[in-house]
Amino acid sequence: MIAATAIAHQMPIATLNVRDFLLIDRYFPLPGIFDPLSMEWIVDPPSGWTFAPDLQPEVETKDHGKTPNIEAGTPTCKIIRLRA
């Protein structure tokens, strides 16, 4: 049901149970699978989905909007490929 809802609404899935969703992705392409433990996309997300700090909608700024206040240690994710 989770995979069907994700496909119908074109929303990626964040899960710790990647293996089961990879089996579903074989037959019904999913719009992205994200593993929050490793911070990695297992299946590519739709365009526009990212955890990059420069694309956050509202970033707190210093000096009244002159420069964004983004911490250097903000984690980003990488895309990997797995075969079920």
PDB file of N, CA and C in Angstrom:
ATOM      1  N   MET A   1       0.823  -1.192   0.000  1.00  0.00           N
ATOM      2  CA  MET A   1       0.000   0.000   0.000  1.00  0.00           C
ATOM      3  C   MET A   1       0.870   1.260   0.000  1.00  0.00           C
ATOM      4  N   ILE A   2       1.986   1.203   0.686  1.00  0.00           N
ATOM      5  CA  ILE A   2       2.878   2.359   0.725  1.00  0.00           C
ATOM      6  C   ILE A   2       3.435   2.637  -0.667  1.00  0.00           C
ATOM      7  N   ALA A   3       3.884   1.594  -1.349  1.00  0.00           N
ATOM      8  CA  ALA A   3       4.438   1.765  -2.691  1.00  0.00           C
ATOM      9  C   ALA A   3       3.378   2.263  -3.668  1.00  0.00           C
ATOM     10  N   ALA A   4       2.162   1.739  -3.577  1.00  0.00           N
ATOM     11  CA  ALA A   4       1.084   2.180  -4.472  1.00  0.00           C
ATOM     12  C   ALA A   4       0.748   3.650  -4.244  1.00  0.00           C
ATOM     13  N   THR A   5       0.731   4.080  -3.005  1.00  0.00           N
ATOM     14  CA  THR A   5       0.459   5.484  -2.697  1.00  0.00           C
ATOM     15  C   THR A   5       1.591   6.368  -3.216  1.00  0.00           C
ATOM     16  N   ALA A   6       2.835   5.924  -3.056  1.00  0.00           N
ATOM     17  CA  ALA A   6       3.977   6.691  -3.551  1.00  0.00           C
ATOM     18  C   ALA A   6       3.934   6.836  -5.069  1.00  0.00           C
ATOM     19  N   ILE A   7       3.581   5.771  -5.765  1.00  0.00           N
ATOM     20  CA  ILE A   7       3.487   5.821  -7.230  1.00  0.00           C
ATOM     21  C   ILE A   7       2.355   6.749  -7.654  1.00  0.00           C
ATOM     22  N   ALA A   8       1.201   6.634  -7.016  1.00  0.00           N
ATOM     23  CA  ALA A   8       0.035   7.445  -7.392  1.00  0.00           C
ATOM     24  C   ALA A   8       0.280   8.934  -7.190  1.00  0.00           C
ATOM     25  N   HIS A   9       1.028   9.288  -6.158  1.00  0.00           N
ATOM     26  CA  HIS A   9       1.255  10.705  -5.842  1.00  0.00           C
ATOM     27  C   HIS A   9       2.644  11.195  -6.241  1.00  0.00           C
ATOM     28  N   GLN A  10       3.442  10.312  -6.892  1.00  0.00           N
ATOM     29  CA  GLN A  10       4.809  10.651  -7.319  1.00  0.00           C
ATOM     30  C   GLN A  10       5.644  11.219  -6.172  1.00  0.00           C
ATOM     31  N   MET A  11       5.592  10.538  -5.032  1.00  0.00           N
ATOM     32  CA  MET A  11       6.332  10.934  -3.833  1.00  0.00           C
ATOM     33  C   MET A  11       7.356   9.850  -3.496  1.00  0.00           C
ATOM     34  N   PRO A  12       8.606  10.229  -3.242  1.00  0.00           N
ATOM     35  CA  PRO A  12       9.617   9.243  -2.854  1.00  0.00           C
ATOM     36  C   PRO A  12       9.293   8.609  -1.499  1.00  0.00           C
ATOM     37  N   ILE A  13       9.897   7.458  -1.260  1.00  0.00           N
ATOM     38  CA  ILE A  13       9.695   6.721  -0.017  1.00  0.00           C
ATOM     39  C   ILE A  13      10.982   6.791   0.803  1.00  0.00           C
ATOM     40  N   ALA A  14      10.875   7.146   2.059  1.00  0.00           N
ATOM     41  CA  ALA A  14      12.000   7.080   2.988  1.00  0.00           C
ATOM     42  C   ALA A  14      11.765   5.855   3.868  1.00  0.00           C
ATOM     43  N   THR A  15      12.699   4.912   3.845  1.00  0.00           N
ATOM     44  CA  THR A  15      12.499   3.662   4.561  1.00  0.00           C
ATOM     45  C   THR A  15      13.829   3.057   5.000  1.00  0.00           C
ATOM     46  N   LEU A  16      13.774   2.307   6.086  1.00  0.00           N
ATOM     47  CA  LEU A  16      14.928   1.521   6.518  1.00  0.00           C
ATOM     48  C   LEU A  16      14.861   0.117   5.917  1.00  0.00           C
ATOM     49  N   ASN A  17      13.728  -0.236   5.306  1.00  0.00           N
ATOM     50  CA  ASN A  17      13.501  -1.538   4.695  1.00  0.00           C
ATOM     51  C   ASN A  17      13.632  -1.415   3.171  1.00  0.00           C
ATOM     52  N   VAL A  18      14.826  -1.113   2.713  1.00  0.00           N
ATOM     53  CA  VAL A  18      15.065  -0.839   1.299  1.00  0.00           C
ATOM     54  C   VAL A  18      14.848  -2.066   0.424  1.00  0.00           C
ATOM     55  N   ARG A  19      15.253  -3.221   0.908  1.00  0.00           N
ATOM     56  CA  ARG A  19      15.227  -4.437   0.086  1.00  0.00           C
ATOM     57  C   ARG A  19      13.823  -4.772  -0.433  1.00  0.00           C
ATOM     58  N   ASP A  20      12.806  -4.672   0.408  1.00  0.00           N
ATOM     59  CA  ASP A  20      11.434  -4.980  -0.034  1.00  0.00           C
ATOM     60  C   ASP A  20      10.964  -4.005  -1.110  1.00  0.00           C
ATOM     61  N   PHE A  21      11.310  -2.729  -0.959  1.00  0.00           N
ATOM     62  CA  PHE A  21      10.885  -1.747  -1.950  1.00  0.00           C
ATOM     63  C   PHE A  21      11.646  -1.896  -3.262  1.00  0.00           C
ATOM     64  N   LEU A  22      12.881  -2.410  -3.217  1.00  0.00           N
ATOM     65  CA  LEU A  22      13.612  -2.675  -4.451  1.00  0.00           C
ATOM     66  C   LEU A  22      12.949  -3.790  -5.254  1.00  0.00           C
ATOM     67  N   LEU A  23      12.392  -4.772  -4.554  1.00  0.00           N
ATOM     68  CA  LEU A  23      11.667  -5.840  -5.251  1.00  0.00           C
ATOM     69  C   LEU A  23      10.436  -5.280  -5.965  1.00  0.00           C
ATOM     70  N   ILE A  24       9.738  -4.382  -5.343  1.00  0.00           N
ATOM     71  CA  ILE A  24       8.569  -3.748  -5.964  1.00  0.00           C
ATOM     72  C   ILE A  24       9.016  -2.883  -7.135  1.00  0.00           C
ATOM     73  N   ASP A  25      10.131  -2.160  -6.964  1.00  0.00           N
ATOM     74  CA  ASP A  25      10.635  -1.261  -8.007  1.00  0.00           C
ATOM     75  C   ASP A  25      10.994  -2.007  -9.285  1.00  0.00           C
ATOM     76  N   ARG A  26      11.318  -3.288  -9.170  1.00  0.00           N
ATOM     77  CA  ARG A  26      11.621  -4.096 -10.358  1.00  0.00           C
ATOM     78  C   ARG A  26      10.442  -4.136 -11.333  1.00  0.00           C
ATOM     79  N   TYR A  27       9.239  -4.220 -10.807  1.00  0.00           N
ATOM     80  CA  TYR A  27       8.036  -4.385 -11.632  1.00  0.00           C
ATOM     81  C   TYR A  27       7.232  -3.101 -11.786  1.00  0.00           C
ATOM     82  N   PHE A  28       7.268  -2.265 -10.771  1.00  0.00           N
ATOM     83  CA  PHE A  28       6.539  -0.994 -10.790  1.00  0.00           C
ATOM     84  C   PHE A  28       7.516   0.093 -10.362  1.00  0.00           C
ATOM     85  N   PRO A  29       8.063   0.863 -11.313  1.00  0.00           N
ATOM     86  CA  PRO A  29       9.080   1.865 -10.955  1.00  0.00           C
ATOM     87  C   PRO A  29       8.581   2.847  -9.896  1.00  0.00           C
ATOM     88  N   LEU A  30       9.337   2.945  -8.822  1.00  0.00           N
ATOM     89  CA  LEU A  30       8.997   3.850  -7.725  1.00  0.00           C
ATOM     90  C   LEU A  30       9.635   5.220  -7.959  1.00  0.00           C
ATOM     91  N   PRO A  31       9.010   6.273  -7.455  1.00  0.00           N
ATOM     92  CA  PRO A  31       9.534   7.628  -7.660  1.00  0.00           C
ATOM     93  C   PRO A  31      10.633   8.011  -6.663  1.00  0.00           C
ATOM     94  N   GLY A  32      11.445   7.066  -6.266  1.00  0.00           N
ATOM     95  CA  GLY A  32      12.558   7.347  -5.369  1.00  0.00           C
ATOM     96  C   GLY A  32      12.461   6.563  -4.082  1.00  0.00           C
ATOM     97  N   ILE A  33      13.599   6.009  -3.657  1.00  0.00           N
ATOM     98  CA  ILE A  33      13.695   5.324  -2.372  1.00  0.00           C
ATOM     99  C   ILE A  33      14.887   5.932  -1.648  1.00  0.00           C
ATOM    100  N   PHE A  34      14.653   6.394  -0.431  1.00  0.00           N
ATOM    101  CA  PHE A  34      15.694   7.041   0.355  1.00  0.00           C
ATOM    102  C   PHE A  34      15.925   6.266   1.637  1.00  0.00           C
ATOM    103  N   ASP A  35      17.200   6.007   1.946  1.00  0.00           N
ATOM    104  CA  ASP A  35      17.572   5.335   3.189  1.00  0.00           C
ATOM    105  C   ASP A  35      18.067   6.403   4.165  1.00  0.00           C
ATOM    106  N   PRO A  36      17.266   6.763   5.183  1.00  0.00           N
ATOM    107  CA  PRO A  36      17.657   7.839   6.094  1.00  0.00           C
ATOM    108  C   PRO A  36      18.850   7.509   6.987  1.00  0.00           C
ATOM    109  N   LEU A  37      19.141   6.235   7.201  1.00  0.00           N
ATOM    110  CA  LEU A  37      20.301   5.874   8.020  1.00  0.00           C
ATOM    111  C   LEU A  37      21.610   6.217   7.321  1.00  0.00           C
ATOM    112  N   SER A  38      21.702   5.873   6.056  1.00  0.00           N
ATOM    113  CA  SER A  38      22.929   6.134   5.304  1.00  0.00           C
ATOM    114  C   SER A  38      22.878   7.461   4.550  1.00  0.00           C
ATOM    115  N   MET A  39      21.719   8.142   4.575  1.00  0.00           N
ATOM    116  CA  MET A  39      21.522   9.394   3.841  1.00  0.00           C
ATOM    117  C   MET A  39      21.817   9.221   2.350  1.00  0.00           C
ATOM    118  N   GLU A  40      21.325   8.109   1.757  1.00  0.00           N
ATOM    119  CA  GLU A  40      21.580   7.802   0.349  1.00  0.00           C
ATOM    120  C   GLU A  40      20.273   7.503  -0.370  1.00  0.00           C
ATOM    121  N   TRP A  41      20.182   7.975  -1.601  1.00  0.00           N
ATOM    122  CA  TRP A  41      19.053   7.631  -2.468  1.00  0.00           C
ATOM    123  C   TRP A  41      19.384   6.286  -3.113  1.00  0.00           C
ATOM    124  N   ILE A  42      18.534   5.305  -2.922  1.00  0.00           N
ATOM    125  CA  ILE A  42      18.731   3.981  -3.502  1.00  0.00           C
ATOM    126  C   ILE A  42      18.154   3.955  -4.916  1.00  0.00           C
ATOM    127  N   VAL A  43      17.019   4.594  -5.109  1.00  0.00           N
ATOM    128  CA  VAL A  43      16.407   4.802  -6.428  1.00  0.00           C
ATOM    129  C   VAL A  43      16.325   6.309  -6.613  1.00  0.00           C
ATOM    130  N   ASP A  44      16.724   6.782  -7.788  1.00  0.00           N
ATOM    131  CA  ASP A  44      16.729   8.221  -8.057  1.00  0.00           C
ATOM    132  C   ASP A  44      15.394   8.871  -7.724  1.00  0.00           C
ATOM    133  N   PRO A  45      15.430  10.016  -7.073  1.00  0.00           N
ATOM    134  CA  PRO A  45      14.191  10.749  -6.775  1.00  0.00           C
ATOM    135  C   PRO A  45      13.743  11.547  -7.992  1.00  0.00           C
ATOM    136  N   PRO A  46      12.505  12.038  -7.988  1.00  0.00           N
ATOM    137  CA  PRO A  46      12.071  12.937  -9.066  1.00  0.00           C
ATOM    138  C   PRO A  46      12.921  14.203  -9.036  1.00  0.00           C
ATOM    139  N   SER A  47      12.985  14.894 -10.159  1.00  0.00           N
ATOM    140  CA  SER A  47      13.790  16.118 -10.202  1.00  0.00           C
ATOM    141  C   SER A  47      13.266  17.112  -9.168  1.00  0.00           C
ATOM    142  N   GLY A  48      14.187  17.772  -8.492  1.00  0.00           N
ATOM    143  CA  GLY A  48      13.814  18.739  -7.476  1.00  0.00           C
ATOM    144  C   GLY A  48      13.914  18.216  -6.058  1.00  0.00           C
ATOM    145  N   TRP A  49      14.066  16.902  -5.859  1.00  0.00           N
ATOM    146  CA  TRP A  49      14.194  16.341  -4.511  1.00  0.00           C
ATOM    147  C   TRP A  49      15.666  16.281  -4.145  1.00  0.00           C
ATOM    148  N   THR A  50      16.034  16.975  -3.087  1.00  0.00           N
ATOM    149  CA  THR A  50      17.415  16.969  -2.625  1.00  0.00           C
ATOM    150  C   THR A  50      17.472  17.396  -1.170  1.00  0.00           C
ATOM    151  N   PHE A  51      18.606  17.128  -0.541  1.00  0.00           N
ATOM    152  CA  PHE A  51      18.838  17.586   0.813  1.00  0.00           C
ATOM    153  C   PHE A  51      19.959  18.614   0.843  1.00  0.00           C
ATOM    154  N   ALA A  52      20.284  19.161  -0.314  1.00  0.00           N
ATOM    155  CA  ALA A  52      21.348  20.172  -0.384  1.00  0.00           C
ATOM    156  C   ALA A  52      20.910  21.419   0.371  1.00  0.00           C
ATOM    157  N   PRO A  53      21.790  21.992   1.189  1.00  0.00           N
ATOM    158  CA  PRO A  53      21.395  23.140   2.008  1.00  0.00           C
ATOM    159  C   PRO A  53      21.074  24.389   1.200  1.00  0.00           C
ATOM    160  N   ASP A  54      21.626  24.531   0.003  1.00  0.00           N
ATOM    161  CA  ASP A  54      21.360  25.745  -0.768  1.00  0.00           C
ATOM    162  C   ASP A  54      19.990  25.740  -1.426  1.00  0.00           C
ATOM    163  N   LEU A  55      19.274  24.634  -1.372  1.00  0.00           N
ATOM    164  CA  LEU A  55      17.948  24.570  -1.979  1.00  0.00           C
ATOM    165  C   LEU A  55      16.829  24.559  -0.953  1.00  0.00           C
ATOM    166  N   GLN A  56      17.144  24.804   0.305  1.00  0.00           N
ATOM    167  CA  GLN A  56      16.114  24.828   1.326  1.00  0.00           C
ATOM    168  C   GLN A  56      15.224  26.038   1.105  1.00  0.00           C
ATOM    169  N   PRO A  57      13.896  25.884   1.243  1.00  0.00           N
ATOM    170  CA  PRO A  57      12.981  26.976   0.947  1.00  0.00           C
ATOM    171  C   PRO A  57      13.157  28.206   1.824  1.00  0.00           C
ATOM    172  N   GLU A  58      13.357  28.010   3.119  1.00  0.00           N
ATOM    173  CA  GLU A  58      13.527  29.143   4.018  1.00  0.00           C
ATOM    174  C   GLU A  58      14.781  28.928   4.839  1.00  0.00           C
ATOM    175  N   VAL A  59      15.785  29.753   4.579  1.00  0.00           N
ATOM    176  CA  VAL A  59      17.034  29.667   5.306  1.00  0.00           C
ATOM    177  C   VAL A  59      17.172  30.908   6.160  1.00  0.00           C
ATOM    178  N   GLU A  60      17.467  30.702   7.438  1.00  0.00           N
ATOM    179  CA  GLU A  60      17.646  31.828   8.343  1.00  0.00           C
ATOM    180  C   GLU A  60      18.868  32.622   7.903  1.00  0.00           C
ATOM    181  N   THR A  61      18.756  33.921   7.842  1.00  0.00           N
ATOM    182  CA  THR A  61      19.860  34.734   7.360  1.00  0.00           C
ATOM    183  C   THR A  61      20.405  35.639   8.450  1.00  0.00           C
ATOM    184  N   LYS A  62      21.671  35.987   8.297  1.00  0.00           N
ATOM    185  CA  LYS A  62      22.319  36.955   9.182  1.00  0.00           C
ATOM    186  C   LYS A  62      22.231  38.322   8.501  1.00  0.00           C
ATOM    187  N   ASP A  63      22.386  39.367   9.237  1.00  0.00           N
ATOM    188  CA  ASP A  63      22.435  40.727   8.692  1.00  0.00           C
ATOM    189  C   ASP A  63      21.219  41.060   7.838  1.00  0.00           C
ATOM    190  N   HIS A  64      20.057  40.614   8.253  1.00  0.00           N
ATOM    191  CA  HIS A  64      18.778  40.948   7.609  1.00  0.00           C
ATOM    192  C   HIS A  64      18.732  40.576   6.133  1.00  0.00           C
ATOM    193  N   GLY A  65      19.064  39.337   5.815  1.00  0.00           N
ATOM    194  CA  GLY A  65      18.862  38.847   4.459  1.00  0.00           C
ATOM    195  C   GLY A  65      20.048  38.996   3.530  1.00  0.00           C
ATOM    196  N   LYS A  66      21.205  39.371   4.015  1.00  0.00           N
ATOM    197  CA  LYS A  66      22.338  39.564   3.108  1.00  0.00           C
ATOM    198  C   LYS A  66      23.015  38.240   2.755  1.00  0.00           C
ATOM    199  N   THR A  67      23.328  37.419   3.749  1.00  0.00           N
ATOM    200  CA  THR A  67      23.986  36.150   3.481  1.00  0.00           C
ATOM    201  C   THR A  67      23.280  35.037   4.244  1.00  0.00           C
ATOM    202  N   PRO A  68      23.077  33.874   3.607  1.00  0.00           N
ATOM    203  CA  PRO A  68      22.425  32.768   4.305  1.00  0.00           C
ATOM    204  C   PRO A  68      23.300  32.207   5.417  1.00  0.00           C
ATOM    205  N   ASN A  69      22.654  31.772   6.502  1.00  0.00           N
ATOM    206  CA  ASN A  69      23.350  31.184   7.642  1.00  0.00           C
ATOM    207  C   ASN A  69      23.236  29.667   7.537  1.00  0.00           C
ATOM    208  N   ILE A  70      24.108  29.040   6.751  1.00  0.00           N
ATOM    209  CA  ILE A  70      24.093  27.594   6.548  1.00  0.00           C
ATOM    210  C   ILE A  70      25.328  27.012   7.200  1.00  0.00           C
ATOM    211  N   GLU A  71      25.124  26.036   8.058  1.00  0.00           N
ATOM    212  CA  GLU A  71      26.238  25.416   8.752  1.00  0.00           C
ATOM    213  C   GLU A  71      27.062  24.580   7.787  1.00  0.00           C
ATOM    214  N   ALA A  72      28.372  24.616   7.942  1.00  0.00           N
ATOM    215  CA  ALA A  72      29.265  23.882   7.047  1.00  0.00           C
ATOM    216  C   ALA A  72      29.112  22.375   7.206  1.00  0.00           C
ATOM    217  N   GLY A  73      28.699  21.907   8.364  1.00  0.00           N
ATOM    218  CA  GLY A  73      28.588  20.476   8.612  1.00  0.00           C
ATOM    219  C   GLY A  73      27.232  19.887   8.268  1.00  0.00           C
ATOM    220  N   THR A  74      26.393  20.588   7.520  1.00  0.00           N
ATOM    221  CA  THR A  74      25.076  20.079   7.160  1.00  0.00           C
ATOM    222  C   THR A  74      25.237  18.846   6.281  1.00  0.00           C
ATOM    223  N   PRO A  75      24.648  17.696   6.664  1.00  0.00           N
ATOM    224  CA  PRO A  75      24.831  16.482   5.876  1.00  0.00           C
ATOM    225  C   PRO A  75      24.082  16.560   4.547  1.00  0.00           C
ATOM    226  N   THR A  76      24.718  16.056   3.514  1.00  0.00           N
ATOM    227  CA  THR A  76      24.064  15.929   2.214  1.00  0.00           C
ATOM    228  C   THR A  76      24.014  14.455   1.882  1.00  0.00           C
ATOM    229  N   CYS A  77      23.321  14.094   0.858  1.00  0.00           N
ATOM    230  CA  CYS A  77      23.198  12.680   0.520  1.00  0.00           C
ATOM    231  C   CYS A  77      23.800  12.422  -0.841  1.00  0.00           C
ATOM    232  N   LYS A  78      24.059  11.153  -1.128  1.00  0.00           N
ATOM    233  CA  LYS A  78      24.575  10.762  -2.424  1.00  0.00           C
ATOM    234  C   LYS A  78      23.674   9.672  -2.990  1.00  0.00           C
ATOM    235  N   ILE A  79      23.702   9.501  -4.283  1.00  0.00           N
ATOM    236  CA  ILE A  79      22.871   8.503  -4.950  1.00  0.00           C
ATOM    237  C   ILE A  79      23.708   7.253  -5.196  1.00  0.00           C
ATOM    238  N   ILE A  80      23.175   6.091  -4.815  1.00  0.00           N
ATOM    239  CA  ILE A  80      23.861   4.825  -5.078  1.00  0.00           C
ATOM    240  C   ILE A  80      22.920   3.903  -5.836  1.00  0.00           C
ATOM    241  N   ARG A  81      23.443   2.854  -6.379  1.00  0.00           N
ATOM    242  CA  ARG A  81      22.632   1.886  -7.111  1.00  0.00           C
ATOM    243  C   ARG A  81      22.799   0.512  -6.443  1.00  0.00           C
ATOM    244  N   LEU A  82      21.709  -0.165  -6.171  1.00  0.00           N
ATOM    245  CA  LEU A  82      21.729  -1.516  -5.617  1.00  0.00           C
ATOM    246  C   LEU A  82      20.912  -2.420  -6.522  1.00  0.00           C
ATOM    247  N   ARG A  83      21.235  -3.657  -6.519  1.00  0.00           N
ATOM    248  CA  ARG A  83      20.448  -4.640  -7.263  1.00  0.00           C
ATOM    249  C   ARG A  83      19.813  -5.591  -6.263  1.00  0.00           C
ATOM    250  N   ALA A  84      18.518  -5.805  -6.413  1.00  0.00           N
ATOM    251  CA  ALA A  84      17.811  -6.676  -5.478  1.00  0.00           C
ATOM    252  C   ALA A  84      18.091  -8.129  -5.766  1.00  0.00           C
TER     253      ALA A  84
END
